[in-house]
Amino acid sequence: MRAAKVLYKDAEAGVITQHDDGSFTFRYHTLWIEDNSKPGISLTLPKTHQEYNSKTLFPFFYNMLPEGSNKQVVCKYNRIDRDDYFGLLMTVAKTDSIGAVRILKIDNT
């Protein structure tokens, strides 16, 4: 299992998790949901107390990934498998993302 913080404008909005079977969950923090001034991170992931579940990486997060030759360079340089979308997301979206959302790996050490 791997997990990462989902930041919106440098404030922690929730957590995305990849489970051992390859499925994903995304959960907003309760304080984020209860604060009416805080938006949902995406129109496809509106604020709710329910956890979102998916067999594949959610499209919102998938669309944050590099493509083509950029993806090849990032994967080679960071030794990430081309099909490891979550690993790629945690690598590139911590500092190099367009918009207000960033992804920070949670170390389980």
N, C-alpha and C. Protein backbone atom coordinates (compact mmCIF):
# COMPACT_ATOMS: atom_id res chain seq x y z
N MET A 1 0.84 -1.18 0.00
CA MET A 1 0.00 0.00 0.00
C MET A 1 0.89 1.24 0.00
N ARG A 2 0.50 2.21 -0.82
CA ARG A 2 1.20 3.49 -0.88
C ARG A 2 0.16 4.60 -0.73
N ALA A 3 0.58 5.69 -0.10
CA ALA A 3 -0.36 6.80 0.12
C ALA A 3 0.35 8.12 -0.10
N ALA A 4 -0.46 9.14 -0.43
CA ALA A 4 0.09 10.48 -0.64
C ALA A 4 -0.92 11.52 -0.18
N LYS A 5 -0.38 12.63 0.33
CA LYS A 5 -1.21 13.77 0.70
C LYS A 5 -1.61 14.51 -0.57
N VAL A 6 -2.85 14.99 -0.59
CA VAL A 6 -3.33 15.81 -1.69
C VAL A 6 -3.44 17.23 -1.16
N LEU A 7 -2.60 18.11 -1.69
CA LEU A 7 -2.58 19.50 -1.24
C LEU A 7 -3.30 20.39 -2.23
N TYR A 8 -4.08 21.32 -1.70
CA TYR A 8 -4.72 22.34 -2.52
C TYR A 8 -4.20 23.68 -2.02
N LYS A 9 -3.46 24.38 -2.86
CA LYS A 9 -2.82 25.64 -2.47
C LYS A 9 -2.04 25.47 -1.16
N ASP A 10 -1.28 24.40 -1.08
CA ASP A 10 -0.40 24.07 0.04
C ASP A 10 -1.12 23.71 1.34
N ALA A 11 -2.44 23.54 1.30
CA ALA A 11 -3.19 23.05 2.47
C ALA A 11 -3.63 21.62 2.18
N GLU A 12 -3.51 20.75 3.18
CA GLU A 12 -3.82 19.34 2.98
C GLU A 12 -5.33 19.12 2.91
N ALA A 13 -5.80 18.71 1.73
CA ALA A 13 -7.23 18.50 1.50
C ALA A 13 -7.65 17.06 1.77
N GLY A 14 -6.76 16.11 1.51
CA GLY A 14 -7.12 14.72 1.68
C GLY A 14 -5.96 13.80 1.41
N VAL A 15 -6.28 12.51 1.23
CA VAL A 15 -5.26 11.48 1.02
C VAL A 15 -5.72 10.56 -0.11
N ILE A 16 -4.79 10.27 -1.02
CA ILE A 16 -5.03 9.25 -2.05
C ILE A 16 -4.17 8.04 -1.70
N THR A 17 -4.76 6.85 -1.84
CA THR A 17 -4.08 5.62 -1.47
C THR A 17 -4.17 4.62 -2.61
N GLN A 18 -3.05 3.96 -2.89
CA GLN A 18 -3.07 2.82 -3.80
C GLN A 18 -2.93 1.57 -2.95
N HIS A 19 -3.88 0.67 -3.06
CA HIS A 19 -3.89 -0.55 -2.28
C HIS A 19 -3.08 -1.64 -2.97
N ASP A 20 -2.79 -2.70 -2.24
CA ASP A 20 -1.95 -3.77 -2.76
C ASP A 20 -2.54 -4.44 -4.00
N ASP A 21 -3.86 -4.40 -4.16
CA ASP A 21 -4.49 -4.99 -5.35
C ASP A 21 -4.50 -4.04 -6.54
N GLY A 22 -3.91 -2.85 -6.38
CA GLY A 22 -3.82 -1.88 -7.47
C GLY A 22 -4.96 -0.88 -7.51
N SER A 23 -5.97 -1.05 -6.67
CA SER A 23 -7.10 -0.12 -6.64
C SER A 23 -6.73 1.14 -5.86
N PHE A 24 -7.56 2.16 -6.00
CA PHE A 24 -7.29 3.45 -5.39
C PHE A 24 -8.47 3.94 -4.56
N THR A 25 -8.17 4.71 -3.52
CA THR A 25 -9.19 5.44 -2.78
C THR A 25 -8.71 6.87 -2.60
N PHE A 26 -9.67 7.77 -2.57
CA PHE A 26 -9.39 9.16 -2.23
C PHE A 26 -10.38 9.57 -1.17
N ARG A 27 -9.87 10.23 -0.13
CA ARG A 27 -10.69 10.65 1.00
C ARG A 27 -10.32 12.08 1.39
N TYR A 28 -11.34 12.93 1.50
CA TYR A 28 -11.12 14.28 2.01
C TYR A 28 -10.98 14.22 3.53
N HIS A 29 -10.18 15.12 4.09
CA HIS A 29 -10.12 15.26 5.55
C HIS A 29 -11.41 15.91 6.03
N THR A 30 -11.86 15.51 7.20
CA THR A 30 -13.11 16.03 7.76
C THR A 30 -13.08 17.54 7.89
N LEU A 31 -11.98 18.10 8.37
CA LEU A 31 -11.90 19.55 8.53
C LEU A 31 -12.03 20.28 7.19
N TRP A 32 -11.52 19.66 6.12
CA TRP A 32 -11.63 20.25 4.79
C TRP A 32 -13.10 20.28 4.34
N ILE A 33 -13.78 19.20 4.58
CA ILE A 33 -15.19 19.09 4.17
C ILE A 33 -16.05 20.09 4.93
N GLU A 34 -15.79 20.24 6.22
CA GLU A 34 -16.62 21.08 7.06
C GLU A 34 -16.35 22.58 6.90
N ASP A 35 -15.25 22.94 6.25
CA ASP A 35 -14.91 24.34 6.02
C ASP A 35 -15.52 24.77 4.68
N ASN A 36 -16.57 25.57 4.73
CA ASN A 36 -17.28 25.99 3.52
C ASN A 36 -16.43 26.85 2.59
N SER A 37 -15.34 27.41 3.09
CA SER A 37 -14.48 28.22 2.23
C SER A 37 -13.52 27.36 1.40
N LYS A 38 -13.43 26.07 1.71
CA LYS A 38 -12.53 25.16 0.99
C LYS A 38 -13.30 24.48 -0.14
N PRO A 39 -12.76 24.53 -1.37
CA PRO A 39 -13.44 23.90 -2.50
C PRO A 39 -13.08 22.42 -2.63
N GLY A 40 -13.83 21.72 -3.45
CA GLY A 40 -13.43 20.39 -3.86
C GLY A 40 -12.21 20.52 -4.75
N ILE A 41 -11.37 19.51 -4.81
CA ILE A 41 -10.17 19.62 -5.63
C ILE A 41 -10.49 19.49 -7.11
N SER A 42 -11.65 18.92 -7.42
CA SER A 42 -12.03 18.69 -8.81
C SER A 42 -13.55 18.60 -8.90
N LEU A 43 -14.10 18.94 -10.06
CA LEU A 43 -15.54 18.76 -10.27
C LEU A 43 -15.92 17.29 -10.22
N THR A 44 -14.98 16.42 -10.57
CA THR A 44 -15.26 14.98 -10.56
C THR A 44 -15.05 14.36 -9.18
N LEU A 45 -14.50 15.12 -8.25
CA LEU A 45 -14.30 14.66 -6.87
C LEU A 45 -14.84 15.71 -5.90
N PRO A 46 -16.16 15.93 -5.91
CA PRO A 46 -16.72 16.94 -5.02
C PRO A 46 -16.55 16.55 -3.55
N LYS A 47 -16.61 17.55 -2.68
CA LYS A 47 -16.44 17.31 -1.24
C LYS A 47 -17.56 16.41 -0.72
N THR A 48 -17.19 15.37 0.00
CA THR A 48 -18.13 14.44 0.60
C THR A 48 -17.40 13.66 1.70
N HIS A 49 -18.16 13.18 2.66
CA HIS A 49 -17.57 12.35 3.71
C HIS A 49 -17.29 10.93 3.22
N GLN A 50 -17.94 10.55 2.12
CA GLN A 50 -17.71 9.21 1.57
C GLN A 50 -16.36 9.14 0.89
N GLU A 51 -15.76 7.98 0.97
CA GLU A 51 -14.49 7.73 0.31
C GLU A 51 -14.76 7.40 -1.17
N TYR A 52 -13.93 7.92 -2.06
CA TYR A 52 -14.03 7.58 -3.47
C TYR A 52 -13.18 6.34 -3.72
N ASN A 53 -13.68 5.42 -4.53
CA ASN A 53 -12.97 4.18 -4.85
C ASN A 53 -12.89 4.00 -6.36
N SER A 54 -11.77 3.46 -6.83
CA SER A 54 -11.60 3.21 -8.26
C SER A 54 -10.62 2.06 -8.46
N LYS A 55 -10.86 1.27 -9.50
CA LYS A 55 -9.94 0.19 -9.84
C LYS A 55 -8.69 0.73 -10.52
N THR A 56 -8.79 1.94 -11.10
CA THR A 56 -7.65 2.58 -11.76
C THR A 56 -7.46 3.96 -11.15
N LEU A 57 -6.34 4.59 -11.49
CA LEU A 57 -6.06 5.93 -11.00
C LEU A 57 -7.17 6.87 -11.48
N PHE A 58 -7.72 7.66 -10.57
CA PHE A 58 -8.80 8.59 -10.90
C PHE A 58 -8.39 9.48 -12.08
N PRO A 59 -9.29 9.73 -13.02
CA PRO A 59 -8.93 10.55 -14.19
C PRO A 59 -8.34 11.92 -13.82
N PHE A 60 -8.84 12.56 -12.78
CA PHE A 60 -8.30 13.85 -12.37
C PHE A 60 -6.79 13.76 -12.11
N PHE A 61 -6.38 12.72 -11.38
CA PHE A 61 -4.97 12.55 -11.06
C PHE A 61 -4.18 12.04 -12.28
N TYR A 62 -4.77 11.16 -13.07
CA TYR A 62 -4.12 10.64 -14.26
C TYR A 62 -3.76 11.78 -15.22
N ASN A 63 -4.64 12.77 -15.32
CA ASN A 63 -4.41 13.89 -16.23
C ASN A 63 -3.31 14.84 -15.74
N MET A 64 -2.78 14.61 -14.56
CA MET A 64 -1.65 15.40 -14.06
C MET A 64 -0.31 14.81 -14.53
N LEU A 65 -0.35 13.63 -15.15
CA LEU A 65 0.87 12.93 -15.52
C LEU A 65 1.45 13.44 -16.85
N PRO A 66 2.79 13.38 -16.97
CA PRO A 66 3.41 13.74 -18.25
C PRO A 66 3.12 12.65 -19.28
N GLU A 67 3.26 13.04 -20.55
CA GLU A 67 3.01 12.10 -21.64
C GLU A 67 4.20 12.09 -22.59
N GLY A 68 4.20 11.10 -23.47
CA GLY A 68 5.18 11.04 -24.55
C GLY A 68 6.62 11.05 -24.08
N SER A 69 7.43 11.87 -24.77
CA SER A 69 8.86 11.90 -24.45
C SER A 69 9.13 12.45 -23.05
N ASN A 70 8.27 13.36 -22.58
CA ASN A 70 8.44 13.86 -21.20
C ASN A 70 8.28 12.72 -20.19
N LYS A 71 7.30 11.87 -20.41
CA LYS A 71 7.09 10.73 -19.52
C LYS A 71 8.29 9.79 -19.58
N GLN A 72 8.80 9.51 -20.78
CA GLN A 72 9.96 8.63 -20.92
C GLN A 72 11.16 9.16 -20.14
N VAL A 73 11.41 10.45 -20.25
CA VAL A 73 12.56 11.05 -19.56
C VAL A 73 12.39 10.96 -18.05
N VAL A 74 11.20 11.32 -17.56
CA VAL A 74 10.95 11.29 -16.12
C VAL A 74 11.08 9.86 -15.59
N CYS A 75 10.50 8.90 -16.30
CA CYS A 75 10.57 7.51 -15.85
C CYS A 75 12.01 6.99 -15.85
N LYS A 76 12.75 7.29 -16.89
CA LYS A 76 14.14 6.82 -16.97
C LYS A 76 14.99 7.47 -15.88
N TYR A 77 14.88 8.79 -15.74
CA TYR A 77 15.70 9.52 -14.77
C TYR A 77 15.41 9.10 -13.33
N ASN A 78 14.12 8.82 -13.03
CA ASN A 78 13.72 8.46 -11.66
C ASN A 78 13.56 6.96 -11.45
N ARG A 79 13.87 6.18 -12.48
CA ARG A 79 13.77 4.72 -12.41
C ARG A 79 12.37 4.27 -11.99
N ILE A 80 11.39 4.79 -12.71
CA ILE A 80 9.99 4.45 -12.46
C ILE A 80 9.49 3.65 -13.65
N ASP A 81 8.79 2.57 -13.39
CA ASP A 81 8.18 1.79 -14.46
C ASP A 81 7.16 2.65 -15.20
N ARG A 82 7.13 2.56 -16.52
CA ARG A 82 6.21 3.38 -17.32
C ARG A 82 4.75 3.17 -16.95
N ASP A 83 4.40 2.00 -16.39
CA ASP A 83 3.02 1.70 -16.03
C ASP A 83 2.71 1.99 -14.56
N ASP A 84 3.69 2.52 -13.83
CA ASP A 84 3.49 2.86 -12.42
C ASP A 84 2.97 4.29 -12.33
N TYR A 85 1.69 4.46 -12.62
CA TYR A 85 1.10 5.79 -12.66
C TYR A 85 1.14 6.50 -11.31
N PHE A 86 0.92 5.75 -10.24
CA PHE A 86 0.93 6.37 -8.92
C PHE A 86 2.34 6.82 -8.54
N GLY A 87 3.34 5.99 -8.84
CA GLY A 87 4.73 6.38 -8.59
C GLY A 87 5.11 7.61 -9.38
N LEU A 88 4.67 7.65 -10.62
CA LEU A 88 4.93 8.80 -11.47
C LEU A 88 4.23 10.04 -10.94
N LEU A 89 2.98 9.88 -10.50
CA LEU A 89 2.22 11.00 -9.93
C LEU A 89 2.93 11.56 -8.70
N MET A 90 3.37 10.69 -7.81
CA MET A 90 4.04 11.16 -6.59
C MET A 90 5.38 11.83 -6.89
N THR A 91 5.99 11.46 -8.01
CA THR A 91 7.28 12.04 -8.38
C THR A 91 7.11 13.42 -9.01
N VAL A 92 6.21 13.53 -9.98
CA VAL A 92 6.12 14.79 -10.72
C VAL A 92 5.19 15.81 -10.08
N ALA A 93 4.14 15.36 -9.42
CA ALA A 93 3.13 16.31 -8.92
C ALA A 93 3.47 16.89 -7.55
N LYS A 94 4.64 16.57 -7.02
CA LYS A 94 5.01 17.19 -5.75
C LYS A 94 5.51 18.61 -5.97
N THR A 95 6.10 18.86 -7.14
CA THR A 95 6.61 20.21 -7.42
C THR A 95 6.21 20.72 -8.79
N ASP A 96 5.98 19.84 -9.74
CA ASP A 96 5.75 20.25 -11.12
C ASP A 96 4.32 19.94 -11.55
N SER A 97 3.40 20.75 -11.09
CA SER A 97 2.01 20.55 -11.50
C SER A 97 1.39 21.88 -11.93
N ILE A 98 0.45 21.76 -12.83
CA ILE A 98 -0.27 22.94 -13.29
C ILE A 98 -1.52 23.06 -12.43
N GLY A 99 -1.76 24.22 -11.88
CA GLY A 99 -2.93 24.41 -11.04
C GLY A 99 -2.59 24.37 -9.56
N ALA A 100 -3.62 24.24 -8.76
CA ALA A 100 -3.48 24.39 -7.31
C ALA A 100 -3.20 23.08 -6.57
N VAL A 101 -3.27 21.94 -7.25
CA VAL A 101 -3.16 20.64 -6.57
C VAL A 101 -1.75 20.08 -6.72
N ARG A 102 -1.21 19.63 -5.58
CA ARG A 102 0.08 18.94 -5.54
C ARG A 102 -0.09 17.64 -4.77
N ILE A 103 0.80 16.70 -5.01
CA ILE A 103 0.76 15.38 -4.38
C ILE A 103 2.08 15.15 -3.66
N LEU A 104 2.02 14.81 -2.37
CA LEU A 104 3.23 14.54 -1.57
C LEU A 104 3.16 13.13 -0.99
N LYS A 105 4.15 12.35 -1.29
CA LYS A 105 4.23 10.97 -0.82
C LYS A 105 4.25 10.95 0.71
N ILE A 106 3.52 10.00 1.28
CA ILE A 106 3.55 9.75 2.72
C ILE A 106 4.50 8.59 2.95
N ASP A 107 5.59 8.84 3.65
CA ASP A 107 6.55 7.78 3.94
C ASP A 107 6.06 6.97 5.12
N ASN A 108 6.09 5.66 4.96
CA ASN A 108 5.64 4.75 6.01
C ASN A 108 6.82 4.20 6.78
N THR A 109 7.76 5.06 7.13
CA THR A 109 8.94 4.60 7.87
C THR A 109 8.82 4.88 9.33
